[in-house]
N, C-alpha and C. Protein backbone atom coordinates (compact mmCIF):
# COMPACT_ATOMS: atom_id res chain seq x y z
N MET A 1 -39.07 -4.09 -8.72
CA MET A 1 -38.57 -2.87 -8.35
C MET A 1 -38.09 -2.94 -6.73
N PHE A 2 -38.82 -3.84 -5.65
CA PHE A 2 -38.70 -4.22 -4.48
C PHE A 2 -38.26 -5.08 -4.05
N LYS A 3 -37.73 -6.37 -5.19
CA LYS A 3 -37.53 -7.35 -5.30
C LYS A 3 -35.77 -7.32 -4.79
N ASP A 4 -35.12 -6.95 -5.23
CA ASP A 4 -33.51 -6.93 -5.12
C ASP A 4 -33.40 -5.97 -4.08
N ARG A 5 -32.54 -5.98 -2.95
CA ARG A 5 -32.62 -5.78 -1.37
C ARG A 5 -31.22 -4.42 -1.61
N THR A 6 -30.39 -5.28 -2.41
CA THR A 6 -29.37 -4.60 -2.47
C THR A 6 -29.17 -3.60 -3.45
N LYS A 7 -30.55 -3.15 -4.52
CA LYS A 7 -30.64 -2.16 -4.84
C LYS A 7 -31.45 -0.41 -4.37
N PHE A 8 -32.24 -0.77 -3.15
CA PHE A 8 -32.98 0.01 -2.57
C PHE A 8 -32.11 1.28 -2.42
N THR A 9 -31.17 1.33 -2.23
CA THR A 9 -30.14 2.84 -2.05
C THR A 9 -30.45 3.65 -3.72
N LEU A 10 -30.18 2.90 -4.31
CA LEU A 10 -30.67 3.29 -5.67
C LEU A 10 -31.63 3.88 -6.03
N MET A 11 -32.48 4.22 -5.17
CA MET A 11 -33.94 4.56 -5.13
C MET A 11 -33.90 5.67 -4.38
N ALA A 12 -32.93 6.41 -4.01
CA ALA A 12 -33.07 7.33 -3.12
C ALA A 12 -32.94 8.39 -4.04
N ASP A 13 -32.87 9.62 -3.67
CA ASP A 13 -32.77 11.14 -4.44
C ASP A 13 -31.45 11.25 -4.50
N PRO A 14 -30.52 11.11 -5.91
CA PRO A 14 -28.85 11.08 -6.10
C PRO A 14 -28.47 12.75 -5.41
N LEU A 15 -29.81 13.32 -5.46
CA LEU A 15 -28.96 14.87 -4.86
C LEU A 15 -28.84 14.64 -3.44
N LEU A 16 -29.15 13.76 -2.43
CA LEU A 16 -28.94 13.25 -1.04
C LEU A 16 -27.80 12.81 -1.13
N LYS A 17 -26.86 12.57 -2.09
CA LYS A 17 -25.21 12.08 -2.18
C LYS A 17 -25.30 11.06 -0.96
N GLY A 18 -25.93 10.06 -0.89
CA GLY A 18 -25.70 9.17 0.06
C GLY A 18 -25.99 9.62 1.57
N GLN A 19 -26.40 10.45 1.89
CA GLN A 19 -26.52 11.65 2.95
C GLN A 19 -27.93 10.97 3.67
N PHE A 20 -28.31 9.77 4.15
CA PHE A 20 -29.73 9.57 4.34
C PHE A 20 -29.24 8.12 5.09
N PRO A 21 -30.37 8.29 6.07
CA PRO A 21 -30.27 6.67 6.63
C PRO A 21 -30.75 5.63 6.35
N VAL A 22 -29.84 4.59 6.12
CA VAL A 22 -30.54 3.41 5.38
C VAL A 22 -31.81 2.88 5.57
N LYS A 23 -31.42 2.76 7.29
CA LYS A 23 -32.91 1.85 7.97
C LYS A 23 -34.11 2.71 7.52
N GLY A 24 -34.30 3.86 7.49
CA GLY A 24 -35.00 4.99 7.41
C GLY A 24 -35.69 4.62 6.06
N LEU A 25 -34.89 4.79 4.73
CA LEU A 25 -34.73 4.68 3.36
C LEU A 25 -35.77 3.23 3.31
N PHE A 26 -35.35 2.13 4.25
CA PHE A 26 -35.54 1.08 4.11
C PHE A 26 -37.21 0.70 4.39
N GLN A 27 -37.24 1.42 5.75
CA GLN A 27 -38.87 1.39 6.16
C GLN A 27 -39.97 2.58 5.54
N ALA A 28 -39.23 3.53 4.59
CA ALA A 28 -39.89 4.06 3.97
C ALA A 28 -40.08 3.56 2.75
N LEU A 29 -39.51 2.81 2.46
CA LEU A 29 -39.60 2.20 0.91
C LEU A 29 -40.66 0.66 1.19
N ALA A 30 -40.64 -0.07 2.62
CA ALA A 30 -41.80 -0.76 3.18
C ALA A 30 -42.84 -0.07 3.22
N VAL A 31 -43.00 0.91 3.54
CA VAL A 31 -44.33 1.61 3.58
C VAL A 31 -45.18 1.73 2.30
N ALA A 32 -44.32 2.00 1.22
CA ALA A 32 -44.53 2.47 -0.26
C ALA A 32 -45.09 1.24 -1.03
N ALA A 33 -43.95 0.22 -0.58
CA ALA A 33 -44.70 -1.62 -1.07
C ALA A 33 -46.00 -1.76 -0.53
N MET A 34 -46.12 -1.76 0.55
CA MET A 34 -47.38 -1.65 1.22
C MET A 34 -48.64 -0.98 0.38
N CYS A 35 -48.31 0.01 0.05
CA CYS A 35 -49.11 0.96 -0.56
C CYS A 35 -49.39 0.70 -1.79
N LEU A 36 -48.90 -0.06 -2.38
CA LEU A 36 -48.67 -0.48 -4.16
C LEU A 36 -49.22 -2.04 -3.71
N GLN A 37 -49.92 -2.42 -3.26
CA GLN A 37 -50.43 -3.54 -3.12
C GLN A 37 -51.43 -3.91 -4.34
N GLU A 38 -51.73 -4.97 -4.76
CA GLU A 38 -52.59 -4.92 -6.02
C GLU A 38 -54.52 -4.89 -5.00
N GLU A 39 -54.15 -5.89 -4.46
CA GLU A 39 -55.64 -5.91 -4.03
C GLU A 39 -55.93 -4.49 -2.73
N PRO A 40 -57.07 -3.66 -3.13
CA PRO A 40 -57.17 -2.41 -2.05
C PRO A 40 -57.49 -2.86 -0.41
N ASP A 41 -58.18 -4.01 -0.46
CA ASP A 41 -58.24 -4.32 1.03
C ASP A 41 -56.79 -4.86 1.86
N THR A 42 -56.22 -4.54 0.86
CA THR A 42 -54.47 -5.28 1.89
C THR A 42 -53.63 -3.89 1.79
N ARG A 43 -54.18 -2.87 1.63
CA ARG A 43 -53.50 -1.71 1.54
C ARG A 43 -53.78 -0.93 2.76
N PRO A 44 -52.50 -0.21 3.28
CA PRO A 44 -52.82 0.17 4.40
C PRO A 44 -53.69 1.82 4.88
N TYR A 45 -54.03 2.03 5.99
CA TYR A 45 -54.86 3.28 5.66
C TYR A 45 -54.05 4.52 5.60
N MET A 46 -54.93 5.48 4.75
CA MET A 46 -53.36 6.76 4.41
C MET A 46 -53.51 7.57 5.76
N ASP A 47 -54.08 7.68 6.86
CA ASP A 47 -53.44 8.13 8.53
C ASP A 47 -52.51 6.77 8.87
N ASP A 48 -52.47 5.76 8.45
CA ASP A 48 -51.61 5.28 9.20
C ASP A 48 -50.47 5.53 8.21
N VAL A 49 -50.02 5.54 7.01
CA VAL A 49 -49.09 5.53 5.96
C VAL A 49 -48.32 7.43 6.58
N VAL A 50 -49.41 8.13 6.74
CA VAL A 50 -48.96 9.35 7.36
C VAL A 50 -48.34 9.25 8.51
N THR A 51 -48.60 8.84 9.27
CA THR A 51 -48.23 8.20 10.83
C THR A 51 -46.60 7.24 10.98
N ALA A 52 -46.85 6.68 9.66
CA ALA A 52 -45.34 6.03 9.89
C ALA A 52 -44.21 6.83 9.30
N LEU A 53 -44.58 7.43 8.03
CA LEU A 53 -43.92 8.82 7.72
C LEU A 53 -43.48 9.74 8.26
N ALA A 54 -44.64 10.03 9.14
CA ALA A 54 -44.17 11.07 10.18
C ALA A 54 -43.13 10.68 11.42
N HIS A 55 -43.20 9.85 11.56
CA HIS A 55 -42.40 9.10 12.42
C HIS A 55 -40.83 9.12 12.02
N LEU A 56 -40.97 8.68 10.57
CA LEU A 56 -39.73 8.61 10.06
C LEU A 56 -38.85 9.92 9.64
N ALA A 57 -39.65 10.81 10.12
CA ALA A 57 -39.23 12.34 9.40
C ALA A 57 -38.61 12.68 10.61
N VAL A 58 -39.10 12.37 11.69
CA VAL A 58 -38.71 13.18 12.98
C VAL A 58 -37.90 12.20 14.18
N HIS A 59 -37.33 10.59 13.36
CA HIS A 59 -36.18 10.25 14.16
C HIS A 59 -35.19 10.56 13.97
N LYS A 60 -34.16 10.39 14.89
CA LYS A 60 -32.94 11.10 15.32
C LYS A 60 -31.83 9.91 14.36
N VAL A 61 -31.11 11.09 13.57
CA VAL A 61 -30.42 9.96 12.48
C VAL A 61 -28.88 10.32 13.40
N GLU A 62 -28.21 8.58 13.47
CA GLU A 62 -26.75 8.70 14.15
C GLU A 62 -25.86 8.95 12.45
N GLU A 63 -24.70 9.54 12.90
CA GLU A 63 -23.82 9.55 11.55
C GLU A 63 -23.53 7.94 11.12
N LYS A 64 -23.59 7.25 11.82
CA LYS A 64 -23.19 5.72 11.54
C LYS A 64 -23.94 5.06 10.78
N ASP A 65 -25.56 6.01 10.69
CA ASP A 65 -26.34 4.97 10.08
C ASP A 65 -26.62 6.20 8.72
N LEU A 66 -25.90 6.68 8.48
CA LEU A 66 -25.59 7.13 6.76
C LEU A 66 -25.49 6.18 5.94
N ALA A 67 -26.06 6.67 4.54
CA ALA A 67 -25.87 5.67 3.15
C ALA A 67 -24.45 5.64 2.84
N GLY A 68 -24.37 7.36 3.09
CA GLY A 68 -22.81 7.31 2.65
C GLY A 68 -21.48 6.81 3.53
N ASP A 69 -21.91 6.49 4.47
CA ASP A 69 -21.11 5.51 5.70
C ASP A 69 -20.93 4.31 5.37
N SER A 70 -21.80 3.78 4.79
CA SER A 70 -22.14 2.09 4.75
C SER A 70 -23.12 1.66 4.34
N ILE A 71 -23.15 0.93 3.16
CA ILE A 71 -24.06 0.32 2.43
C ILE A 71 -24.44 -1.07 2.87
N LYS A 72 -23.22 -1.67 3.66
CA LYS A 72 -23.29 -2.82 3.94
C LYS A 72 -24.39 -3.58 4.42
N CYS A 73 -25.78 -2.74 5.20
CA CYS A 73 -26.68 -3.56 5.72
C CYS A 73 -27.58 -3.31 4.79
N ALA A 74 -27.75 -3.40 2.92
CA ALA A 74 -28.54 -3.27 2.16
C ALA A 74 -28.95 -4.15 2.02
N GLY A 75 -28.88 -5.42 2.71
CA GLY A 75 -29.95 -6.63 2.66
C GLY A 75 -31.25 -6.97 3.94
N HIS A 76 -31.03 -6.02 4.70
CA HIS A 76 -31.46 -5.79 6.16
C HIS A 76 -32.79 -4.79 5.53
N VAL A 77 -34.25 -5.29 5.79
CA VAL A 77 -35.41 -4.78 5.70
C VAL A 77 -36.15 -4.42 6.95
N GLU A 78 -36.43 -3.63 7.46
CA GLU A 78 -37.50 -3.45 8.60
C GLU A 78 -38.92 -3.35 7.98
N SER A 79 -39.44 -4.06 8.24
CA SER A 79 -40.97 -4.06 7.57
C SER A 79 -41.92 -3.19 8.56
N PHE A 80 -42.89 -2.44 7.72
CA PHE A 80 -43.74 -1.65 9.25
C PHE A 80 -44.99 -2.04 8.78
N ARG A 81 -45.63 -2.70 9.91
CA ARG A 81 -46.83 -3.28 9.75
C ARG A 81 -48.32 -2.50 10.00
N ALA A 82 -49.07 -1.81 8.95
CA ALA A 82 -49.88 -0.84 9.43
C ALA A 82 -50.84 -1.63 9.87
N THR A 83 -51.43 -0.73 10.86
CA THR A 83 -52.87 -1.14 11.32
C THR A 83 -54.02 -0.84 10.93
N SER A 84 -55.15 -1.12 10.60
CA SER A 84 -56.21 -0.97 10.14
C SER A 84 -56.72 0.15 11.31
N SER A 85 -57.47 0.97 10.85
CA SER A 85 -58.42 2.48 11.34
C SER A 85 -59.33 2.50 10.65
N ALA A 86 -60.58 2.22 11.60
CA ALA A 86 -61.90 1.98 11.07
C ALA A 86 -62.40 3.88 10.55
N GLY A 87 -62.74 3.41 9.40
CA GLY A 87 -63.37 5.15 8.72
C GLY A 87 -61.98 5.91 7.82
N SER A 88 -60.98 5.14 7.92
CA SER A 88 -59.90 5.69 7.06
C SER A 88 -59.98 5.34 5.27
N GLU A 89 -59.00 6.21 4.67
CA GLU A 89 -59.15 5.95 3.40
C GLU A 89 -57.95 4.80 3.74
N ARG A 90 -57.89 3.91 2.39
CA ARG A 90 -56.85 3.31 1.99
C ARG A 90 -55.70 3.84 0.90
N ALA A 91 -54.43 3.74 1.04
CA ALA A 91 -53.69 3.91 0.02
C ALA A 91 -53.42 3.75 -1.33
């Protein structure tokens, strides 16, 4: 599912009709991919996931960054590296 970067935009809710930031989608998918790691010890802590998603939710979106305007950057993914936090639950 996460192997073909050109299909990442197909994972977005169709009701958004392309009106979402592609970079934000890629970052959210990077967080989701980390949560799906087979080994529990390699998954991020839940508080790190919440922090990452909260940051994405409040990030200012410029019109030029919306998927409906351009899907050309579909090959680019920025990864989010969660840091470990003592005493937190893993995803």
